[in-house]
All heavy atoms as atom14 arrays in JSON, in Angstrom:
{
  "sequence": "RELPAEMQGQSIADGPLPFLFGAKADKIKSRYWVRLVTPEGVTNE",
  "atom14_mask": [
    [1, 1, 1, 1, 1, 1, 1, 1, 1, 1, 1, 0, 0, 0],
    [1, 1, 1, 1, 1, 1, 1, 1, 1, 0, 0, 0, 0, 0],
    [1, 1, 1, 1, 1, 1, 1, 1, 0, 0, 0, 0, 0, 0],
    [1, 1, 1, 1, 1, 1, 1, 0, 0, 0, 0, 0, 0, 0],
    [1, 1, 1, 1, 1, 0, 0, 0, 0, 0, 0, 0, 0, 0],
    [1, 1, 1, 1, 1, 1, 1, 1, 1, 0, 0, 0, 0, 0],
    [1, 1, 1, 1, 1, 1, 1, 1, 0, 0, 0, 0, 0, 0],
    [1, 1, 1, 1, 1, 1, 1, 1, 1, 0, 0, 0, 0, 0],
    [1, 1, 1, 1, 0, 0, 0, 0, 0, 0, 0, 0, 0, 0],
    [1, 1, 1, 1, 1, 1, 1, 1, 1, 0, 0, 0, 0, 0],
    [1, 1, 1, 1, 1, 1, 0, 0, 0, 0, 0, 0, 0, 0],
    [1, 1, 1, 1, 1, 1, 1, 1, 0, 0, 0, 0, 0, 0],
    [1, 1, 1, 1, 1, 0, 0, 0, 0, 0, 0, 0, 0, 0],
    [1, 1, 1, 1, 1, 1, 1, 1, 0, 0, 0, 0, 0, 0],
    [1, 1, 1, 1, 0, 0, 0, 0, 0, 0, 0, 0, 0, 0],
    [1, 1, 1, 1, 1, 1, 1, 0, 0, 0, 0, 0, 0, 0],
    [1, 1, 1, 1, 1, 1, 1, 1, 0, 0, 0, 0, 0, 0],
    [1, 1, 1, 1, 1, 1, 1, 0, 0, 0, 0, 0, 0, 0],
    [1, 1, 1, 1, 1, 1, 1, 1, 1, 1, 1, 0, 0, 0],
    [1, 1, 1, 1, 1, 1, 1, 1, 0, 0, 0, 0, 0, 0],
    [1, 1, 1, 1, 1, 1, 1, 1, 1, 1, 1, 0, 0, 0],
    [1, 1, 1, 1, 0, 0, 0, 0, 0, 0, 0, 0, 0, 0],
    [1, 1, 1, 1, 1, 0, 0, 0, 0, 0, 0, 0, 0, 0],
    [1, 1, 1, 1, 1, 1, 1, 1, 1, 0, 0, 0, 0, 0],
    [1, 1, 1, 1, 1, 0, 0, 0, 0, 0, 0, 0, 0, 0],
    [1, 1, 1, 1, 1, 1, 1, 1, 0, 0, 0, 0, 0, 0],
    [1, 1, 1, 1, 1, 1, 1, 1, 1, 0, 0, 0, 0, 0],
    [1, 1, 1, 1, 1, 1, 1, 1, 0, 0, 0, 0, 0, 0],
    [1, 1, 1, 1, 1, 1, 1, 1, 1, 0, 0, 0, 0, 0],
    [1, 1, 1, 1, 1, 1, 0, 0, 0, 0, 0, 0, 0, 0],
    [1, 1, 1, 1, 1, 1, 1, 1, 1, 1, 1, 0, 0, 0],
    [1, 1, 1, 1, 1, 1, 1, 1, 1, 1, 1, 1, 0, 0],
    [1, 1, 1, 1, 1, 1, 1, 1, 1, 1, 1, 1, 1, 1],
    [1, 1, 1, 1, 1, 1, 1, 0, 0, 0, 0, 0, 0, 0],
    [1, 1, 1, 1, 1, 1, 1, 1, 1, 1, 1, 0, 0, 0],
    [1, 1, 1, 1, 1, 1, 1, 1, 0, 0, 0, 0, 0, 0],
    [1, 1, 1, 1, 1, 1, 1, 0, 0, 0, 0, 0, 0, 0],
    [1, 1, 1, 1, 1, 1, 1, 0, 0, 0, 0, 0, 0, 0],
    [1, 1, 1, 1, 1, 1, 1, 0, 0, 0, 0, 0, 0, 0],
    [1, 1, 1, 1, 1, 1, 1, 1, 1, 0, 0, 0, 0, 0],
    [1, 1, 1, 1, 0, 0, 0, 0, 0, 0, 0, 0, 0, 0],
    [1, 1, 1, 1, 1, 1, 1, 0, 0, 0, 0, 0, 0, 0],
    [1, 1, 1, 1, 1, 1, 1, 0, 0, 0, 0, 0, 0, 0],
    [1, 1, 1, 1, 1, 1, 1, 1, 0, 0, 0, 0, 0, 0],
    [1, 1, 1, 1, 1, 1, 1, 1, 1, 0, 0, 0, 0, 0]
  ],
  "atom14_positions": [
    [[-145.83, 149.7, 68.91], [-146.91, 149.43, 69.81], [-147.6, 150.78, 70.24], [-146.96, 151.56, 70.97], [-146.47, 148.61, 71.02], [-145.95, 147.24, 70.77], [-145.59, 146.47, 71.94], [-145.18, 145.11, 71.7], [-143.93, 144.7, 71.5], [-142.93, 145.66, 71.55], [-143.63, 143.46, 71.23], [0.0, 0.0, 0.0], [0.0, 0.0, 0.0], [0.0, 0.0, 0.0]],
    [[-148.79, 150.96, 69.78], [-149.56, 152.16, 70.19], [-149.87, 152.19, 71.62], [-150.34, 151.24, 72.14], [-150.85, 152.28, 69.27], [-151.58, 153.51, 69.52], [-152.78, 153.59, 68.62], [-152.94, 152.7, 67.78], [-153.67, 154.47, 68.93], [0.0, 0.0, 0.0], [0.0, 0.0, 0.0], [0.0, 0.0, 0.0], [0.0, 0.0, 0.0], [0.0, 0.0, 0.0]],
    [[-149.61, 153.36, 72.31], [-149.93, 153.54, 73.66], [-151.4, 153.92, 73.85], [-151.83, 154.9, 73.19], [-148.96, 154.46, 74.36], [-147.51, 154.07, 74.45], [-146.65, 155.3, 74.87], [-147.34, 152.95, 75.39], [0.0, 0.0, 0.0], [0.0, 0.0, 0.0], [0.0, 0.0, 0.0], [0.0, 0.0, 0.0], [0.0, 0.0, 0.0], [0.0, 0.0, 0.0]],
    [[-152.06, 153.41, 74.84], [-153.32, 153.94, 75.21], [-153.24, 155.4, 75.78], [-152.09, 155.74, 76.25], [-153.9, 153.01, 76.25], [-152.69, 152.36, 76.78], [-151.64, 152.26, 75.73], [0.0, 0.0, 0.0], [0.0, 0.0, 0.0], [0.0, 0.0, 0.0], [0.0, 0.0, 0.0], [0.0, 0.0, 0.0], [0.0, 0.0, 0.0], [0.0, 0.0, 0.0]],
    [[-154.33, 156.16, 75.74], [-154.19, 157.51, 76.17], [-153.71, 157.71, 77.54], [-152.91, 158.67, 77.86], [-155.66, 158.16, 76.03], [0.0, 0.0, 0.0], [0.0, 0.0, 0.0], [0.0, 0.0, 0.0], [0.0, 0.0, 0.0], [0.0, 0.0, 0.0], [0.0, 0.0, 0.0], [0.0, 0.0, 0.0], [0.0, 0.0, 0.0], [0.0, 0.0, 0.0]],
    [[-154.07, 156.69, 78.46], [-153.61, 156.93, 79.83], [-152.09, 156.69, 80.07], [-151.58, 156.91, 81.09], [-154.43, 155.98, 80.74], [-154.17, 154.41, 80.5], [-155.1, 153.86, 79.45], [-155.75, 154.65, 78.68], [-155.25, 152.71, 79.45], [0.0, 0.0, 0.0], [0.0, 0.0, 0.0], [0.0, 0.0, 0.0], [0.0, 0.0, 0.0], [0.0, 0.0, 0.0]],
    [[-151.43, 156.09, 79.04], [-150.01, 155.86, 79.13], [-149.17, 156.86, 78.36], [-147.94, 156.75, 78.21], [-149.65, 154.48, 78.72], [-150.23, 153.44, 79.56], [-149.89, 151.72, 78.93], [-148.07, 151.64, 79.08], [0.0, 0.0, 0.0], [0.0, 0.0, 0.0], [0.0, 0.0, 0.0], [0.0, 0.0, 0.0], [0.0, 0.0, 0.0], [0.0, 0.0, 0.0]],
    [[-149.86, 157.89, 77.86], [-149.17, 158.9, 76.97], [-148.86, 160.13, 77.94], [-149.29, 160.19, 79.02], [-149.96, 159.35, 75.81], [-150.26, 158.2, 74.86], [-150.99, 158.58, 73.68], [-151.16, 159.77, 73.36], [-151.59, 157.57, 73.0], [0.0, 0.0, 0.0], [0.0, 0.0, 0.0], [0.0, 0.0, 0.0], [0.0, 0.0, 0.0], [0.0, 0.0, 0.0]],
    [[-148.04, 161.07, 77.31], [-147.68, 162.28, 77.98], [-146.85, 162.09, 79.23], [-145.87, 161.3, 79.21], [0.0, 0.0, 0.0], [0.0, 0.0, 0.0], [0.0, 0.0, 0.0], [0.0, 0.0, 0.0], [0.0, 0.0, 0.0], [0.0, 0.0, 0.0], [0.0, 0.0, 0.0], [0.0, 0.0, 0.0], [0.0, 0.0, 0.0], [0.0, 0.0, 0.0]],
    [[-147.2, 162.75, 80.28], [-146.45, 162.61, 81.54], [-146.36, 161.25, 82.11], [-145.54, 160.96, 82.94], [-147.01, 163.6, 82.59], [-146.85, 165.07, 82.24], [-145.45, 165.55, 82.44], [-144.53, 164.93, 82.87], [-145.22, 166.8, 81.91], [0.0, 0.0, 0.0], [0.0, 0.0, 0.0], [0.0, 0.0, 0.0], [0.0, 0.0, 0.0], [0.0, 0.0, 0.0]],
    [[-147.19, 160.32, 81.68], [-147.31, 158.99, 82.2], [-146.01, 158.19, 81.93], [-145.82, 157.12, 82.5], [-148.46, 158.19, 81.65], [-149.72, 158.8, 82.09], [0.0, 0.0, 0.0], [0.0, 0.0, 0.0], [0.0, 0.0, 0.0], [0.0, 0.0, 0.0], [0.0, 0.0, 0.0], [0.0, 0.0, 0.0], [0.0, 0.0, 0.0], [0.0, 0.0, 0.0]],
    [[-145.18, 158.75, 81.1], [-143.85, 158.07, 80.86], [-143.05, 157.9, 82.09], [-142.33, 156.99, 82.36], [-143.04, 158.71, 79.77], [-141.85, 157.86, 79.34], [-142.59, 160.12, 80.2], [-141.01, 158.42, 78.16], [0.0, 0.0, 0.0], [0.0, 0.0, 0.0], [0.0, 0.0, 0.0], [0.0, 0.0, 0.0], [0.0, 0.0, 0.0], [0.0, 0.0, 0.0]],
    [[-143.36, 158.89, 83.02], [-142.61, 158.77, 84.34], [-143.3, 157.84, 85.29], [-142.71, 157.61, 86.4], [-142.54, 160.21, 84.94], [0.0, 0.0, 0.0], [0.0, 0.0, 0.0], [0.0, 0.0, 0.0], [0.0, 0.0, 0.0], [0.0, 0.0, 0.0], [0.0, 0.0, 0.0], [0.0, 0.0, 0.0], [0.0, 0.0, 0.0], [0.0, 0.0, 0.0]],
    [[-144.4, 157.3, 84.93], [-145.11, 156.33, 85.88], [-144.94, 154.87, 85.5], [-145.61, 154.13, 85.79], [-146.63, 156.69, 85.72], [-146.99, 158.01, 86.22], [-146.14, 158.49, 87.07], [-147.97, 158.51, 85.97], [0.0, 0.0, 0.0], [0.0, 0.0, 0.0], [0.0, 0.0, 0.0], [0.0, 0.0, 0.0], [0.0, 0.0, 0.0], [0.0, 0.0, 0.0]],
    [[-143.73, 154.63, 84.77], [-143.39, 153.31, 84.46], [-142.98, 152.54, 85.71], [-143.11, 153.07, 86.81], [0.0, 0.0, 0.0], [0.0, 0.0, 0.0], [0.0, 0.0, 0.0], [0.0, 0.0, 0.0], [0.0, 0.0, 0.0], [0.0, 0.0, 0.0], [0.0, 0.0, 0.0], [0.0, 0.0, 0.0], [0.0, 0.0, 0.0], [0.0, 0.0, 0.0]],
    [[-142.52, 151.33, 85.56], [-142.2, 150.47, 86.8], [-141.14, 151.05, 87.63], [-141.17, 150.77, 88.9], [-141.82, 149.17, 86.12], [-142.33, 149.08, 84.77], [-142.39, 150.53, 84.41], [0.0, 0.0, 0.0], [0.0, 0.0, 0.0], [0.0, 0.0, 0.0], [0.0, 0.0, 0.0], [0.0, 0.0, 0.0], [0.0, 0.0, 0.0], [0.0, 0.0, 0.0]],
    [[-140.29, 151.84, 87.12], [-139.15, 152.47, 87.83], [-139.14, 153.93, 87.63], [-138.54, 154.46, 86.67], [-137.85, 151.81, 87.57], [-137.66, 150.34, 87.7], [-136.33, 149.83, 87.08], [-137.83, 150.04, 89.14], [0.0, 0.0, 0.0], [0.0, 0.0, 0.0], [0.0, 0.0, 0.0], [0.0, 0.0, 0.0], [0.0, 0.0, 0.0], [0.0, 0.0, 0.0]],
    [[-139.93, 154.68, 88.43], [-140.11, 156.17, 88.11], [-138.83, 156.83, 88.77], [-139.02, 157.85, 89.44], [-141.39, 156.56, 88.87], [-141.32, 155.62, 90.03], [-140.75, 154.33, 89.54], [0.0, 0.0, 0.0], [0.0, 0.0, 0.0], [0.0, 0.0, 0.0], [0.0, 0.0, 0.0], [0.0, 0.0, 0.0], [0.0, 0.0, 0.0], [0.0, 0.0, 0.0]],
    [[-137.66, 156.33, 88.6], [-136.47, 156.87, 89.24], [-135.57, 157.78, 88.36], [-134.77, 158.52, 88.81], [-135.58, 155.8, 89.78], [-136.36, 154.77, 90.7], [-136.18, 153.49, 90.59], [-137.21, 155.31, 91.65], [-136.83, 152.64, 91.38], [-137.95, 154.52, 92.54], [-137.63, 153.12, 92.42], [0.0, 0.0, 0.0], [0.0, 0.0, 0.0], [0.0, 0.0, 0.0]],
    [[-135.73, 157.63, 87.06], [-134.74, 158.24, 86.12], [-135.33, 159.69, 85.7], [-134.55, 160.6, 85.54], [-134.45, 157.41, 84.96], [-133.83, 156.08, 85.32], [-133.53, 155.32, 83.98], [-132.53, 156.22, 86.12], [0.0, 0.0, 0.0], [0.0, 0.0, 0.0], [0.0, 0.0, 0.0], [0.0, 0.0, 0.0], [0.0, 0.0, 0.0], [0.0, 0.0, 0.0]],
    [[-136.62, 159.67, 85.37], [-137.08, 160.96, 84.82], [-138.35, 161.42, 85.57], [-139.26, 160.6, 85.91], [-137.56, 160.67, 83.35], [-136.55, 159.95, 82.59], [-136.78, 158.73, 81.96], [-135.28, 160.45, 82.43], [-135.84, 158.0, 81.27], [-134.25, 159.74, 81.69], [-134.53, 158.6, 81.15], [0.0, 0.0, 0.0], [0.0, 0.0, 0.0], [0.0, 0.0, 0.0]],
    [[-138.37, 162.69, 85.81], [-139.64, 163.18, 86.53], [-139.83, 162.63, 87.84], [-141.06, 162.51, 88.31], [0.0, 0.0, 0.0], [0.0, 0.0, 0.0], [0.0, 0.0, 0.0], [0.0, 0.0, 0.0], [0.0, 0.0, 0.0], [0.0, 0.0, 0.0], [0.0, 0.0, 0.0], [0.0, 0.0, 0.0], [0.0, 0.0, 0.0], [0.0, 0.0, 0.0]],
    [[-138.81, 162.37, 88.69], [-139.01, 161.85, 89.97], [-139.77, 162.87, 90.86], [-139.44, 164.06, 90.92], [-137.54, 161.6, 90.58], [0.0, 0.0, 0.0], [0.0, 0.0, 0.0], [0.0, 0.0, 0.0], [0.0, 0.0, 0.0], [0.0, 0.0, 0.0], [0.0, 0.0, 0.0], [0.0, 0.0, 0.0], [0.0, 0.0, 0.0], [0.0, 0.0, 0.0]],
    [[-140.71, 162.28, 91.62], [-141.52, 163.19, 92.55], [-141.47, 162.45, 93.87], [-141.78, 161.28, 94.0], [-142.98, 163.29, 91.98], [-142.97, 164.24, 90.72], [-144.4, 164.45, 90.38], [-144.56, 165.43, 89.17], [-143.94, 166.75, 89.48], [0.0, 0.0, 0.0], [0.0, 0.0, 0.0], [0.0, 0.0, 0.0], [0.0, 0.0, 0.0], [0.0, 0.0, 0.0]],
    [[-141.18, 163.26, 94.97], [-141.03, 162.58, 96.28], [-142.26, 161.87, 96.71], [-142.15, 160.74, 97.25], [-140.55, 163.68, 97.24], [0.0, 0.0, 0.0], [0.0, 0.0, 0.0], [0.0, 0.0, 0.0], [0.0, 0.0, 0.0], [0.0, 0.0, 0.0], [0.0, 0.0, 0.0], [0.0, 0.0, 0.0], [0.0, 0.0, 0.0], [0.0, 0.0, 0.0]],
    [[-143.43, 162.6, 96.71], [-144.57, 161.98, 97.07], [-145.04, 160.74, 96.39], [-145.54, 159.72, 96.97], [-145.77, 162.97, 97.19], [-146.17, 163.47, 95.81], [-145.22, 163.46, 94.93], [-147.31, 163.96, 95.54], [0.0, 0.0, 0.0], [0.0, 0.0, 0.0], [0.0, 0.0, 0.0], [0.0, 0.0, 0.0], [0.0, 0.0, 0.0], [0.0, 0.0, 0.0]],
    [[-144.81, 160.76, 95.03], [-145.17, 159.5, 94.32], [-144.33, 158.35, 94.55], [-144.76, 157.25, 94.68], [-145.13, 159.87, 92.73], [-145.6, 158.8, 91.88], [-145.68, 159.32, 90.42], [-146.79, 160.28, 90.27], [-147.1, 160.67, 88.85], [0.0, 0.0, 0.0], [0.0, 0.0, 0.0], [0.0, 0.0, 0.0], [0.0, 0.0, 0.0], [0.0, 0.0, 0.0]],
    [[-142.98, 158.6, 94.71], [-142.02, 157.52, 95.07], [-142.46, 156.96, 96.43], [-142.54, 155.71, 96.53], [-140.62, 158.08, 95.11], [-140.16, 158.34, 93.67], [-139.62, 157.09, 95.79], [-138.72, 159.01, 93.62], [0.0, 0.0, 0.0], [0.0, 0.0, 0.0], [0.0, 0.0, 0.0], [0.0, 0.0, 0.0], [0.0, 0.0, 0.0], [0.0, 0.0, 0.0]],
    [[-142.71, 157.79, 97.36], [-143.12, 157.25, 98.79], [-144.5, 156.56, 98.71], [-144.73, 155.74, 99.51], [-143.05, 158.45, 99.75], [-141.66, 158.87, 99.99], [-141.64, 159.76, 101.28], [-142.37, 161.11, 101.06], [-142.18, 162.02, 102.26], [0.0, 0.0, 0.0], [0.0, 0.0, 0.0], [0.0, 0.0, 0.0], [0.0, 0.0, 0.0], [0.0, 0.0, 0.0]],
    [[-145.38, 156.93, 97.77], [-146.67, 156.24, 97.68], [-146.57, 154.92, 97.11], [-147.36, 154.03, 97.37], [-147.64, 157.15, 96.85], [-147.35, 157.13, 95.59], [0.0, 0.0, 0.0], [0.0, 0.0, 0.0], [0.0, 0.0, 0.0], [0.0, 0.0, 0.0], [0.0, 0.0, 0.0], [0.0, 0.0, 0.0], [0.0, 0.0, 0.0], [0.0, 0.0, 0.0]],
    [[-145.54, 154.7, 96.31], [-145.36, 153.42, 95.6], [-144.45, 152.49, 96.27], [-144.38, 151.26, 96.1], [-144.97, 153.55, 94.14], [-146.0, 154.18, 93.27], [-145.54, 154.37, 91.9], [-145.15, 153.14, 91.15], [-144.76, 153.06, 89.99], [-144.65, 154.17, 89.15], [-144.47, 151.88, 89.46], [0.0, 0.0, 0.0], [0.0, 0.0, 0.0], [0.0, 0.0, 0.0]],
    [[-143.47, 153.12, 97.08], [-142.33, 152.21, 97.63], [-142.16, 152.56, 99.09], [-142.18, 153.73, 99.46], [-141.08, 152.48, 96.82], [-141.17, 152.25, 95.37], [-141.4, 153.31, 94.46], [-141.19, 150.99, 94.82], [-141.59, 153.16, 93.14], [-141.39, 150.82, 93.51], [-141.53, 151.92, 92.61], [-141.8, 151.63, 91.3], [0.0, 0.0, 0.0], [0.0, 0.0, 0.0]],
    [[-141.69, 151.48, 99.84], [-141.03, 151.7, 101.12], [-139.56, 152.15, 100.77], [-138.85, 151.43, 100.15], [-141.01, 150.46, 101.93], [-142.47, 149.87, 102.21], [-142.94, 148.72, 101.66], [-143.45, 150.48, 103.07], [-144.15, 148.53, 102.2], [-144.54, 149.61, 103.03], [-143.48, 151.57, 103.9], [-145.71, 149.76, 103.74], [-144.65, 151.8, 104.63], [-145.69, 150.89, 104.61]],
    [[-139.22, 153.28, 101.28], [-137.84, 153.78, 100.9], [-136.97, 153.96, 102.21], [-137.51, 154.33, 103.28], [-137.81, 155.03, 100.05], [-138.45, 154.77, 98.72], [-138.65, 156.11, 100.74], [0.0, 0.0, 0.0], [0.0, 0.0, 0.0], [0.0, 0.0, 0.0], [0.0, 0.0, 0.0], [0.0, 0.0, 0.0], [0.0, 0.0, 0.0], [0.0, 0.0, 0.0]],
    [[-135.72, 153.77, 102.08], [-134.75, 154.03, 103.24], [-133.4, 154.41, 102.64], [-133.09, 154.0, 101.49], [-134.66, 152.88, 104.19], [-134.13, 151.62, 103.48], [-133.9, 150.54, 104.6], [-133.47, 149.23, 103.97], [-133.11, 148.22, 104.68], [-133.1, 148.25, 106.02], [-132.72, 147.09, 104.07], [0.0, 0.0, 0.0], [0.0, 0.0, 0.0], [0.0, 0.0, 0.0]],
    [[-132.61, 155.11, 103.41], [-131.22, 155.4, 103.11], [-130.36, 154.19, 103.43], [-130.43, 153.66, 104.54], [-130.79, 156.67, 103.79], [-131.06, 158.0, 103.23], [-130.59, 159.09, 104.2], [-130.39, 158.26, 101.84], [0.0, 0.0, 0.0], [0.0, 0.0, 0.0], [0.0, 0.0, 0.0], [0.0, 0.0, 0.0], [0.0, 0.0, 0.0], [0.0, 0.0, 0.0]],
    [[-129.54, 153.82, 102.47], [-128.57, 152.73, 102.78], [-127.17, 153.05, 102.31], [-126.34, 152.31, 101.86], [-129.05, 151.38, 102.02], [-130.27, 150.87, 102.69], [-129.12, 151.6, 100.54], [0.0, 0.0, 0.0], [0.0, 0.0, 0.0], [0.0, 0.0, 0.0], [0.0, 0.0, 0.0], [0.0, 0.0, 0.0], [0.0, 0.0, 0.0], [0.0, 0.0, 0.0]],
    [[-126.88, 154.46, 102.39], [-125.64, 154.85, 101.92], [-124.45, 154.29, 102.81], [-124.62, 154.39, 104.0], [-125.45, 156.37, 102.1], [-126.62, 157.07, 101.4], [-124.16, 157.03, 101.47], [0.0, 0.0, 0.0], [0.0, 0.0, 0.0], [0.0, 0.0, 0.0], [0.0, 0.0, 0.0], [0.0, 0.0, 0.0], [0.0, 0.0, 0.0], [0.0, 0.0, 0.0]],
    [[-123.56, 153.62, 102.15], [-122.47, 152.89, 102.92], [-121.65, 153.93, 103.7], [-121.48, 155.1, 103.28], [-121.64, 152.22, 101.81], [-122.46, 152.07, 100.61], [-123.45, 153.35, 100.72], [0.0, 0.0, 0.0], [0.0, 0.0, 0.0], [0.0, 0.0, 0.0], [0.0, 0.0, 0.0], [0.0, 0.0, 0.0], [0.0, 0.0, 0.0], [0.0, 0.0, 0.0]],
    [[-121.2, 153.47, 104.83], [-120.36, 154.28, 105.66], [-119.07, 154.79, 104.88], [-118.41, 153.99, 104.23], [-119.9, 153.54, 106.86], [-119.15, 154.46, 107.89], [-118.78, 153.65, 109.22], [-119.29, 152.47, 109.28], [-118.19, 154.25, 110.11], [0.0, 0.0, 0.0], [0.0, 0.0, 0.0], [0.0, 0.0, 0.0], [0.0, 0.0, 0.0], [0.0, 0.0, 0.0]],
    [[-118.72, 156.04, 104.98], [-117.46, 156.56, 104.3], [-117.84, 157.11, 102.86], [-117.05, 157.78, 102.34], [0.0, 0.0, 0.0], [0.0, 0.0, 0.0], [0.0, 0.0, 0.0], [0.0, 0.0, 0.0], [0.0, 0.0, 0.0], [0.0, 0.0, 0.0], [0.0, 0.0, 0.0], [0.0, 0.0, 0.0], [0.0, 0.0, 0.0], [0.0, 0.0, 0.0]],
    [[-119.02, 156.82, 102.37], [-119.36, 157.35, 100.97], [-119.88, 158.74, 101.16], [-121.0, 158.9, 101.81], [-120.36, 156.35, 100.24], [-120.77, 157.04, 98.95], [-119.73, 155.05, 100.0], [0.0, 0.0, 0.0], [0.0, 0.0, 0.0], [0.0, 0.0, 0.0], [0.0, 0.0, 0.0], [0.0, 0.0, 0.0], [0.0, 0.0, 0.0], [0.0, 0.0, 0.0]],
    [[-119.29, 159.72, 100.62], [-119.76, 161.16, 100.79], [-120.1, 161.77, 99.62], [-120.63, 162.91, 99.58], [-118.54, 161.98, 101.4], [-117.39, 161.91, 100.52], [-118.14, 161.4, 102.83], [0.0, 0.0, 0.0], [0.0, 0.0, 0.0], [0.0, 0.0, 0.0], [0.0, 0.0, 0.0], [0.0, 0.0, 0.0], [0.0, 0.0, 0.0], [0.0, 0.0, 0.0]],
    [[-119.94, 161.13, 98.37], [-120.31, 161.73, 97.13], [-121.6, 161.15, 96.53], [-121.97, 161.59, 95.33], [-119.15, 161.62, 96.12], [-118.87, 160.14, 95.79], [-119.18, 159.3, 96.56], [-118.26, 159.87, 94.64], [0.0, 0.0, 0.0], [0.0, 0.0, 0.0], [0.0, 0.0, 0.0], [0.0, 0.0, 0.0], [0.0, 0.0, 0.0], [0.0, 0.0, 0.0]],
    [[-122.34, 160.32, 97.2], [-123.48, 159.74, 96.7], [-124.44, 159.56, 97.83], [-124.19, 159.47, 98.97], [-123.18, 158.33, 96.07], [-122.22, 158.33, 94.94], [-121.83, 156.95, 94.56], [-121.86, 156.01, 95.4], [-121.29, 156.77, 93.4], [0.0, 0.0, 0.0], [0.0, 0.0, 0.0], [0.0, 0.0, 0.0], [0.0, 0.0, 0.0], [0.0, 0.0, 0.0]]
  ]
}
């Protein structure tokens, strides 16, 4: 499946879940409501 020009290059990080590659704080916050939910007692994550 050929990708249109706007989906090529750095846009790979703009997929539905931009969490794995090229994470950018401002972009994540612009697309999602985010909060910390680290369970109590978990210190390595």
